[in-house]
């Protein structure tokens, strides 16, 4: 397994992708503290203002995710990622300018955030599909894990640097730093040369693309049940993590510095989870993914109970650890189970479903904070997240899907055997490609 990692780290294409993704995650890590406290510190801004801006971005992701899947299956995926990175650079520069000048009407902030969300909608389908284009099938889990580790190390570095910049010179400059880093990531991606693992078939229309992707998606019970679970989970997580948490931190934990510690603990958990995921091979991967959703419960629970900052940081560490494990296992499972020619479209249905209720959670978080108080709202979030796990594990498709790993249970050639239990297919689908190669792809 170490030999596989060594080969990956000597591959110029993979190193380019790894470097670009790491820079992108570095930029992303500047944004949560800078954007949240930059908006909350604007004259007349409230938690509802922050809710509206974040909901605008989330709504754009939902609206454009399916289009992102079609684009990433039709066009060179590295060009799609390049466009997304440069869109993010422009958006963060715009947000930074508005916060620095204090000329930031809520409608303008929301409009710029919406543009940012439309670019972000391209990332998940393209990234899910490009990994099998660059990484051999036997190295997919290692490739996914190393991308996660690099990104999460950058997340820690970015949170530390971003917190320092926010405290020292203000959130506007932190957003400008993020914009510059996004631009560098886009430049690296533009240098990537990718050969597709499988050519997408001829399609007569966008609707035909959507129907084909939907047929692949709905035929797998394990896939759509997990997406329903995470649709509700992400709604609660976004409300608690992006709005209610910063509100509690600002009023009772110590402001930006305290919230940076919470995010830092989460990021360290992401790194450790990535290291563990390099070697961990669960035999029931989707069951593991569903249960790991419980890792999102302790943070809002402790925030709602006004626990000490140290306990909240520890809970955030557990959240990061759980989420990184489930992300790598989920990516690898999708890449193994979904035909390469439709992988980005199926991934876009996955992303759309998982993020569908996110804007609702963000919109309701601000008013809920005012109506019942942020602590009570956080306790509700924790309870609903726990309920989503019980919902998911009640389905046989979640419990019964077994993994087979290349070189272990596969054929002599290294192709994985099809591990899908009959209960996981509710309708027959002819795969786009006869090879079910790959292993594949979150985030939440």
Protein backbone atom coordinates (compact mmCIF):
# COMPACT_ATOMS: atom_id res chain seq x y z
CA UNK A 1 0.00 0.00 0.00
CA UNK A 2 2.93 2.34 0.70
CA UNK A 3 4.23 1.47 -2.77
CA UNK A 4 0.91 2.61 -4.26
CA UNK A 5 1.17 5.91 -2.41
CA UNK A 6 4.75 6.37 -3.60
CA UNK A 7 3.66 5.82 -7.19
CA UNK A 8 0.87 8.36 -6.80
CA UNK A 9 3.20 10.95 -5.32
CA UNK A 10 5.60 10.52 -8.26
CA UNK A 11 2.82 10.96 -10.83
CA UNK A 12 2.94 14.51 -12.24
CA UNK A 13 -0.77 14.65 -13.05
CA UNK A 14 -1.81 13.47 -9.62
CA UNK A 15 0.62 15.87 -7.93
CA UNK A 16 -0.84 18.74 -9.97
CA UNK A 17 -4.37 17.80 -8.92
CA UNK A 18 -3.28 17.33 -5.30
CA UNK A 19 -1.51 20.71 -5.24
CA UNK A 20 -4.48 22.52 -6.81
CA UNK A 21 -6.98 20.92 -4.45
CA UNK A 22 -4.78 21.69 -1.44
CA UNK A 23 -4.56 25.36 -2.43
CA UNK A 24 -8.32 25.46 -2.94
CA UNK A 25 -8.92 24.06 0.54
CA UNK A 26 -6.45 26.60 1.95
CA UNK A 27 -8.56 29.35 0.39
CA UNK A 28 -11.83 27.83 1.61
CA UNK A 29 -10.51 27.72 5.18
CA UNK A 30 -10.07 31.49 5.24
CA UNK A 31 -13.72 32.07 4.46
CA UNK A 32 -15.87 30.75 7.39
CA UNK A 33 -14.48 33.01 10.12
CA UNK A 34 -13.86 35.98 7.80
CA UNK A 35 -17.28 35.88 6.18
CA UNK A 36 -19.29 35.15 9.33
CA UNK A 37 -17.70 37.82 11.50
CA UNK A 38 -17.23 40.25 8.62
CA UNK A 39 -20.98 40.23 8.02
CA UNK A 40 -21.96 40.18 11.70
CA UNK A 41 -19.75 43.24 12.30
CA UNK A 42 -21.39 45.30 9.54
CA UNK A 43 -23.59 48.17 10.73
CA UNK A 44 -27.10 46.91 11.36
CA UNK A 45 -26.28 43.27 10.51
CA UNK A 46 -27.90 40.42 12.47
CA UNK A 47 -27.88 36.63 12.41
CA UNK A 48 -30.65 36.88 9.81
CA UNK A 49 -28.32 38.87 7.53
CA UNK A 50 -25.75 36.09 7.70
CA UNK A 51 -28.50 33.51 7.08
CA UNK A 52 -29.65 35.27 3.92
CA UNK A 53 -26.14 35.54 2.45
CA UNK A 54 -25.21 31.93 3.18
CA UNK A 55 -28.60 30.70 1.98
CA UNK A 56 -28.08 32.51 -1.34
CA UNK A 57 -24.84 30.65 -1.93
CA UNK A 58 -26.37 27.34 -0.87
CA UNK A 59 -29.42 27.90 -3.09
CA UNK A 60 -27.19 28.51 -6.12
CA UNK A 61 -25.36 25.26 -5.46
CA UNK A 62 -28.69 23.43 -5.39
CA UNK A 63 -29.95 25.13 -8.56
CA UNK A 64 -26.83 24.51 -10.64
CA UNK A 65 -25.56 21.16 -9.34
CA UNK A 66 -27.32 19.03 -11.98
CA UNK A 67 -25.97 21.30 -14.69
CA UNK A 68 -22.53 20.85 -13.14
CA UNK A 69 -22.83 17.08 -13.50
CA UNK A 70 -23.79 17.32 -17.17
CA UNK A 71 -20.98 19.77 -17.89
CA UNK A 72 -18.40 17.60 -16.11
CA UNK A 73 -19.45 14.49 -18.08
CA UNK A 74 -19.42 16.36 -21.41
CA UNK A 75 -16.36 18.60 -21.15
CA UNK A 76 -12.78 18.25 -19.86
CA UNK A 77 -13.13 18.05 -16.12
CA UNK A 78 -9.94 19.99 -15.40
CA UNK A 79 -11.36 22.94 -17.38
CA UNK A 80 -14.54 22.75 -15.36
CA UNK A 81 -12.54 22.86 -12.12
CA UNK A 82 -10.45 25.74 -13.46
CA UNK A 83 -13.58 27.78 -14.15
CA UNK A 84 -14.89 27.06 -10.67
CA UNK A 85 -11.66 28.15 -8.97
CA UNK A 86 -11.47 31.43 -10.87
CA UNK A 87 -15.12 32.15 -10.15
CA UNK A 88 -14.40 31.65 -6.45
CA UNK A 89 -11.44 34.04 -6.69
CA UNK A 90 -13.61 36.76 -8.22
CA UNK A 91 -16.41 36.28 -5.69
CA UNK A 92 -14.14 36.42 -2.63
CA UNK A 93 -12.46 39.56 -3.94
CA UNK A 94 -15.91 41.13 -4.35
CA UNK A 95 -17.01 40.15 -0.84
CA UNK A 96 -13.76 41.43 0.60
CA UNK A 97 -14.21 44.78 -1.14
CA UNK A 98 -17.75 45.22 0.19
CA UNK A 99 -16.77 44.35 3.76
CA UNK A 100 -13.69 46.62 3.68
CA UNK A 101 -15.67 49.58 2.36
CA UNK A 102 -18.75 48.85 4.52
CA UNK A 103 -20.78 49.38 1.35
CA UNK A 104 -22.49 46.04 1.69
CA UNK A 105 -26.27 45.98 1.30
CA UNK A 106 -27.70 42.57 2.10
CA UNK A 107 -29.04 42.21 -1.46
CA UNK A 108 -25.59 42.84 -2.95
CA UNK A 109 -23.89 40.40 -0.58
CA UNK A 110 -26.52 37.79 -1.39
CA UNK A 111 -26.13 38.33 -5.15
CA UNK A 112 -22.35 37.89 -5.02
CA UNK A 113 -22.76 34.82 -2.82
CA UNK A 114 -25.21 33.39 -5.36
CA UNK A 115 -22.58 33.74 -8.11
CA UNK A 116 -20.10 31.98 -5.83
CA UNK A 117 -22.53 29.13 -5.28
CA UNK A 118 -23.05 28.68 -9.02
CA UNK A 119 -19.29 28.19 -9.43
CA UNK A 120 -19.09 25.88 -6.43
CA UNK A 121 -21.81 23.69 -7.99
CA UNK A 122 -19.28 22.63 -10.62
CA UNK A 123 -16.68 21.41 -8.16
CA UNK A 124 -18.16 18.25 -6.64
CA UNK A 125 -19.25 16.50 -9.88
CA UNK A 126 -16.00 17.42 -11.65
CA UNK A 127 -13.78 16.40 -8.75
CA UNK A 128 -15.62 13.11 -8.28
CA UNK A 129 -15.17 12.28 -11.95
CA UNK A 130 -11.59 13.48 -12.40
CA UNK A 131 -10.06 11.22 -9.74
CA UNK A 132 -10.65 8.00 -11.76
CA UNK A 133 -9.36 9.89 -14.82
CA UNK A 134 -6.04 10.42 -13.05
CA UNK A 135 -5.74 7.53 -10.57
CA UNK A 136 -5.63 3.78 -11.42
CA UNK A 137 -8.49 1.72 -10.01
CA UNK A 138 -6.33 -0.10 -7.46
CA UNK A 139 -5.19 3.22 -5.98
CA UNK A 140 -8.53 5.03 -5.81
CA UNK A 141 -8.99 4.94 -2.05
CA UNK A 142 -5.40 6.06 -1.46
CA UNK A 143 -5.86 8.81 -4.05
CA UNK A 144 -9.06 10.05 -2.41
CA UNK A 145 -7.50 9.86 1.05
CA UNK A 146 -4.35 11.77 0.08
CA UNK A 147 -6.46 14.51 -1.51
CA UNK A 148 -8.36 14.75 1.75
CA UNK A 149 -5.21 14.79 3.88
CA UNK A 150 -3.59 17.52 1.79
CA UNK A 151 -6.76 19.56 1.86
CA UNK A 152 -7.22 19.19 5.59
CA UNK A 153 -3.62 20.10 6.41
CA UNK A 154 -4.25 23.21 4.31
CA UNK A 155 -7.49 23.73 6.23
CA UNK A 156 -5.60 23.82 9.54
CA UNK A 157 -2.96 26.17 8.15
CA UNK A 158 -5.65 28.38 6.64
CA UNK A 159 -7.69 28.54 9.83
CA UNK A 160 -4.65 29.56 11.85
CA UNK A 161 -3.53 32.13 9.29
CA UNK A 162 -7.09 33.28 8.59
CA UNK A 163 -7.86 33.73 12.28
CA UNK A 164 -4.70 35.79 12.69
CA UNK A 165 -5.56 37.96 9.68
CA UNK A 166 -9.18 38.45 10.82
CA UNK A 167 -8.10 39.50 14.33
CA UNK A 168 -5.09 41.57 13.18
CA UNK A 169 -6.30 43.42 10.09
CA UNK A 170 -9.93 42.42 9.59
CA UNK A 171 -12.08 39.91 7.68
CA UNK A 172 -11.98 41.87 4.41
CA UNK A 173 -8.27 41.25 3.96
CA UNK A 174 -8.72 37.56 4.85
CA UNK A 175 -11.22 37.30 1.99
CA UNK A 176 -8.72 38.93 -0.38
CA UNK A 177 -6.10 36.38 0.68
CA UNK A 178 -8.60 33.62 -0.11
CA UNK A 179 -9.28 35.17 -3.53
CA UNK A 180 -5.57 35.15 -4.41
CA UNK A 181 -5.20 31.52 -3.35
CA UNK A 182 -8.23 30.44 -5.40
CA UNK A 183 -6.65 32.14 -8.41
CA UNK A 184 -3.40 30.18 -7.95
CA UNK A 185 -5.37 26.93 -7.65
CA UNK A 186 -7.15 27.67 -10.94
CA UNK A 187 -3.80 28.31 -12.63
CA UNK A 188 -2.49 24.93 -11.49
CA UNK A 189 -5.61 23.11 -12.67
CA UNK A 190 -5.24 24.76 -16.08
CA UNK A 191 -1.90 22.93 -16.49
CA UNK A 192 -3.45 19.51 -15.91
CA UNK A 193 -3.80 17.15 -18.88
CA UNK A 194 -6.37 14.42 -18.38
CA UNK A 195 -7.32 11.33 -20.36
CA UNK A 196 -10.85 10.21 -19.60
CA UNK A 197 -11.27 6.68 -18.24
CA UNK A 198 -14.34 6.17 -20.39
CA UNK A 199 -15.81 8.25 -23.14
CA UNK A 200 -19.30 9.53 -22.52
CA UNK A 201 -21.76 8.14 -25.05
CA UNK A 202 -23.49 10.29 -27.63
CA UNK A 203 -26.54 11.98 -26.18
CA UNK A 204 -29.35 13.67 -28.01
CA UNK A 205 -30.19 16.29 -25.39
CA UNK A 206 -29.62 17.61 -21.90
CA UNK A 207 -32.85 15.90 -20.84
CA UNK A 208 -31.47 12.58 -22.06
CA UNK A 209 -28.37 13.18 -19.94
CA UNK A 210 -30.52 13.90 -16.91
CA UNK A 211 -32.74 10.84 -17.46
CA UNK A 212 -29.73 8.56 -17.82
CA UNK A 213 -28.10 9.93 -14.66
CA UNK A 214 -31.39 9.66 -12.76
CA UNK A 215 -31.84 6.03 -13.83
CA UNK A 216 -28.39 5.18 -12.45
CA UNK A 217 -29.12 7.09 -9.26
CA UNK A 218 -32.56 5.71 -8.43
CA UNK A 219 -31.60 2.10 -9.16
CA UNK A 220 -29.44 1.89 -6.03
CA UNK A 221 -31.27 1.93 -2.71
CA UNK A 222 -28.08 2.52 -0.75
CA UNK A 223 -27.45 5.67 -2.79
CA UNK A 224 -30.78 7.44 -2.56
CA UNK A 225 -31.38 6.52 1.10
CA UNK A 226 -28.01 7.98 2.13
CA UNK A 227 -28.77 11.09 0.10
CA UNK A 228 -32.09 11.55 1.93
CA UNK A 229 -30.27 11.09 5.24
CA UNK A 230 -27.65 13.67 4.43
CA UNK A 231 -30.13 16.11 2.96
CA UNK A 232 -31.67 16.51 6.41
CA UNK A 233 -28.34 16.15 8.21
CA UNK A 234 -26.71 18.88 6.10
CA UNK A 235 -29.70 21.17 6.69
CA UNK A 236 -29.20 20.85 10.45
CA UNK A 237 -25.41 20.97 10.21
CA UNK A 238 -25.37 24.15 8.11
CA UNK A 239 -27.82 25.87 10.43
CA UNK A 240 -25.78 24.95 13.50
CA UNK A 241 -22.29 25.30 12.06
CA UNK A 242 -22.61 28.35 9.85
CA UNK A 243 -25.13 30.51 11.72
CA UNK A 244 -26.06 29.35 15.23
CA UNK A 245 -22.53 28.34 16.24
CA UNK A 246 -20.94 31.70 15.32
CA UNK A 247 -23.82 33.50 17.10
CA UNK A 248 -23.16 31.56 20.33
CA UNK A 249 -19.40 32.04 19.90
CA UNK A 250 -19.84 35.78 19.49
CA UNK A 251 -22.05 36.19 22.56
CA UNK A 252 -20.70 33.59 24.97
CA UNK A 253 -17.43 31.94 23.91
CA UNK A 254 -15.13 34.81 22.99
CA UNK A 255 -15.86 35.75 19.41
CA UNK A 256 -13.77 34.98 16.30
CA UNK A 257 -10.79 33.61 18.25
CA UNK A 258 -12.98 31.03 20.04
CA UNK A 259 -14.78 29.97 16.88
CA UNK A 260 -11.43 29.61 15.11
CA UNK A 261 -10.40 27.13 17.80
CA UNK A 262 -13.56 25.12 17.19
CA UNK A 263 -12.89 25.03 13.45
CA UNK A 264 -9.25 24.19 14.09
CA UNK A 265 -10.24 21.20 16.24
CA UNK A 266 -12.54 20.05 13.46
CA UNK A 267 -9.75 20.36 10.91
CA UNK A 268 -7.31 18.32 13.00
CA UNK A 269 -10.01 15.64 13.12
CA UNK A 270 -10.24 15.77 9.33
CA UNK A 271 -6.48 15.15 9.06
CA UNK A 272 -6.49 12.17 11.42
CA UNK A 273 -9.58 10.74 9.71
CA UNK A 274 -7.80 11.00 6.37
CA UNK A 275 -4.77 9.14 7.70
CA UNK A 276 -6.97 6.34 9.05
CA UNK A 277 -8.93 6.15 5.78
CA UNK A 278 -5.80 5.27 3.78
CA UNK A 279 -5.77 1.78 5.29
CA UNK A 280 -9.31 1.24 6.56
CA UNK A 281 -11.41 -1.05 4.34
CA UNK A 282 -14.90 -1.51 5.84
CA UNK A 283 -16.77 -4.49 4.41
CA UNK A 284 -20.13 -2.72 4.75
CA UNK A 285 -19.07 0.74 3.58
CA UNK A 286 -22.48 2.39 3.24
CA UNK A 287 -23.60 1.22 6.68
CA UNK A 288 -20.42 2.78 8.04
CA UNK A 289 -21.16 6.04 6.19
CA UNK A 290 -24.68 6.20 7.63
CA UNK A 291 -23.55 5.53 11.22
CA UNK A 292 -20.68 8.01 11.00
CA UNK A 293 -23.32 10.70 10.62
CA UNK A 294 -23.60 10.51 14.43
CA UNK A 295 -20.30 12.37 14.54
CA UNK A 296 -22.25 15.56 13.78
CA UNK A 297 -24.36 15.31 16.96
CA UNK A 298 -22.01 16.28 19.84
CA UNK A 299 -20.96 19.73 18.55
CA UNK A 300 -24.44 21.34 18.35
CA UNK A 301 -25.46 19.44 21.48
CA UNK A 302 -22.60 20.89 23.55
CA UNK A 303 -23.01 24.35 22.05
CA UNK A 304 -26.69 24.21 22.99
CA UNK A 305 -25.84 23.15 26.54
CA UNK A 306 -23.32 26.01 26.93
CA UNK A 307 -20.49 23.55 27.53
CA UNK A 308 -16.92 24.76 28.06
CA UNK A 309 -14.97 25.72 24.95
CA UNK A 310 -12.55 22.81 25.39
CA UNK A 311 -15.40 20.27 25.24
CA UNK A 312 -16.82 21.92 22.12
CA UNK A 313 -13.41 21.84 20.43
CA UNK A 314 -13.12 18.12 21.27
CA UNK A 315 -16.58 17.50 19.80
CA UNK A 316 -15.58 19.39 16.67
CA UNK A 317 -12.51 17.15 16.40
CA UNK A 318 -14.82 14.10 16.46
CA UNK A 319 -17.02 15.68 13.80
CA UNK A 320 -14.04 16.24 11.51
CA UNK A 321 -12.71 12.72 12.08
CA UNK A 322 -16.09 11.13 11.31
CA UNK A 323 -16.81 13.29 8.28
CA UNK A 324 -13.43 12.66 6.66
CA UNK A 325 -13.80 8.89 7.09
CA UNK A 326 -17.31 8.86 5.65
CA UNK A 327 -16.27 11.16 2.78
CA UNK A 328 -13.42 8.92 1.62
CA UNK A 329 -15.46 5.73 2.01
CA UNK A 330 -18.42 7.31 0.18
CA UNK A 331 -16.25 8.62 -2.66
CA UNK A 332 -14.56 5.28 -3.13
CA UNK A 333 -17.85 3.37 -3.03
CA UNK A 334 -19.43 5.60 -5.66
CA UNK A 335 -16.39 5.40 -7.93
CA UNK A 336 -16.47 1.60 -7.76
CA UNK A 337 -20.20 1.26 -8.24
CA UNK A 338 -21.09 3.93 -10.83
CA UNK A 339 -20.10 3.57 -14.51
CA UNK A 340 -17.39 6.14 -15.36
CA UNK A 341 -19.34 7.71 -18.24
CA UNK A 342 -22.16 8.79 -15.92
CA UNK A 343 -20.19 9.26 -12.71
CA UNK A 344 -20.29 13.06 -12.64
CA UNK A 345 -24.04 13.15 -13.34
CA UNK A 346 -24.80 10.62 -10.61
CA UNK A 347 -22.51 12.59 -8.32
CA UNK A 348 -24.48 15.74 -9.15
CA UNK A 349 -27.73 14.01 -8.09
CA UNK A 350 -25.92 12.98 -4.91
CA UNK A 351 -24.78 16.55 -4.29
CA UNK A 352 -28.15 18.05 -5.21
CA UNK A 353 -30.04 15.76 -2.87
CA UNK A 354 -27.56 16.17 -0.04
CA UNK A 355 -27.59 19.97 -0.30
CA UNK A 356 -31.25 20.42 -1.25
CA UNK A 357 -32.47 21.43 2.21
CA UNK A 358 -29.33 23.37 3.13
CA UNK A 359 -30.74 26.77 2.12
CA UNK A 360 -33.85 26.09 4.21
CA UNK A 361 -31.73 25.39 7.27
CA UNK A 362 -29.76 28.60 6.75
CA UNK A 363 -32.90 30.68 6.18
CA UNK A 364 -34.58 29.29 9.30
CA UNK A 365 -31.50 29.47 11.53
CA UNK A 366 -31.55 33.24 11.97
CA UNK A 367 -35.25 33.55 12.81
CA UNK A 368 -35.05 30.46 15.03
CA UNK A 369 -32.17 32.06 16.92
CA UNK A 370 -34.40 35.08 17.59
CA UNK A 371 -37.60 33.14 18.32
CA UNK A 372 -36.39 30.37 20.66
CA UNK A 373 -32.78 31.33 21.26
CA UNK A 374 -29.66 29.89 19.61
CA UNK A 375 -29.08 27.31 22.36
CA UNK A 376 -32.51 25.71 22.01
CA UNK A 377 -32.21 25.75 18.22
CA UNK A 378 -28.85 23.96 18.48
CA UNK A 379 -30.36 21.22 20.67
CA UNK A 380 -33.08 20.66 18.07
CA UNK A 381 -30.39 20.35 15.37
CA UNK A 382 -28.56 17.68 17.39
CA UNK A 383 -31.74 15.63 17.90
CA UNK A 384 -32.74 15.72 14.24
CA UNK A 385 -29.25 14.65 13.11
CA UNK A 386 -29.42 11.61 15.40
CA UNK A 387 -32.82 10.75 13.92
CA UNK A 388 -31.43 10.71 10.37
CA UNK A 389 -29.04 7.91 11.31
CA UNK A 390 -31.84 5.73 12.68
CA UNK A 391 -33.78 6.36 9.48
CA UNK A 392 -30.92 5.29 7.21
CA UNK A 393 -29.91 2.08 8.98
CA UNK A 394 -33.49 0.79 8.84
CA UNK A 395 -33.07 0.08 5.08
CA UNK A 396 -31.62 -3.28 3.97
CA UNK A 397 -29.78 -1.64 1.07
CA UNK A 398 -27.72 0.34 3.59
CA UNK A 399 -26.97 -2.68 5.75
CA UNK A 400 -26.29 -5.23 3.01
CA UNK A 401 -23.98 -3.57 0.49
CA UNK A 402 -20.60 -5.27 0.75
CA UNK A 403 -17.38 -3.87 -0.66
CA UNK A 404 -14.85 -5.73 -2.74
CA UNK A 405 -11.46 -4.16 -3.11
CA UNK A 406 -9.20 -4.48 -6.14
CA UNK A 407 -6.45 -6.99 -5.51
CA UNK A 408 -8.34 -8.56 -2.58
CA UNK A 409 -11.70 -9.90 -3.72
CA UNK A 410 -11.59 -8.96 -7.35
CA UNK A 411 -10.59 -10.83 -10.47
CA UNK A 412 -6.94 -11.64 -11.26
CA UNK A 413 -6.83 -8.53 -13.40
CA UNK A 414 -7.68 -6.41 -10.38
CA UNK A 415 -11.21 -5.54 -11.50
CA UNK A 416 -13.56 -5.50 -8.54
CA UNK A 417 -16.40 -7.96 -8.61
CA UNK A 418 -19.87 -6.46 -8.44
CA UNK A 419 -20.77 -6.51 -4.74
CA UNK A 420 -24.29 -5.13 -5.08
CA UNK A 421 -26.91 -7.09 -3.20
CA UNK A 422 -30.11 -7.61 -5.26
CA UNK A 423 -32.06 -5.51 -2.77
CA UNK A 424 -29.92 -2.49 -3.71
CA UNK A 425 -31.34 -2.40 -7.23
CA UNK A 426 -34.97 -1.46 -7.50
CA UNK A 427 -34.96 -1.37 -11.27
CA UNK A 428 -32.61 -2.79 -13.91
CA UNK A 429 -30.19 -0.39 -15.55
CA UNK A 430 -27.85 -1.02 -18.44
CA UNK A 431 -24.52 0.49 -17.49
CA UNK A 432 -23.05 3.10 -19.76
CA UNK A 433 -19.81 1.17 -19.76
CA UNK A 434 -19.42 -2.59 -19.25
CA UNK A 435 -16.57 -1.88 -16.86
CA UNK A 436 -17.60 -0.94 -13.33
CA UNK A 437 -14.15 0.38 -12.69
CA UNK A 438 -13.46 3.12 -10.34
CA UNK A 439 -14.20 3.94 -6.83
CA UNK A 440 -15.68 7.06 -5.91
CA UNK A 441 -17.01 9.91 -3.95
CA UNK A 442 -18.04 14.95 0.10
CA UNK A 443 -18.77 16.83 1.79
CA UNK A 444 -20.61 17.63 3.07
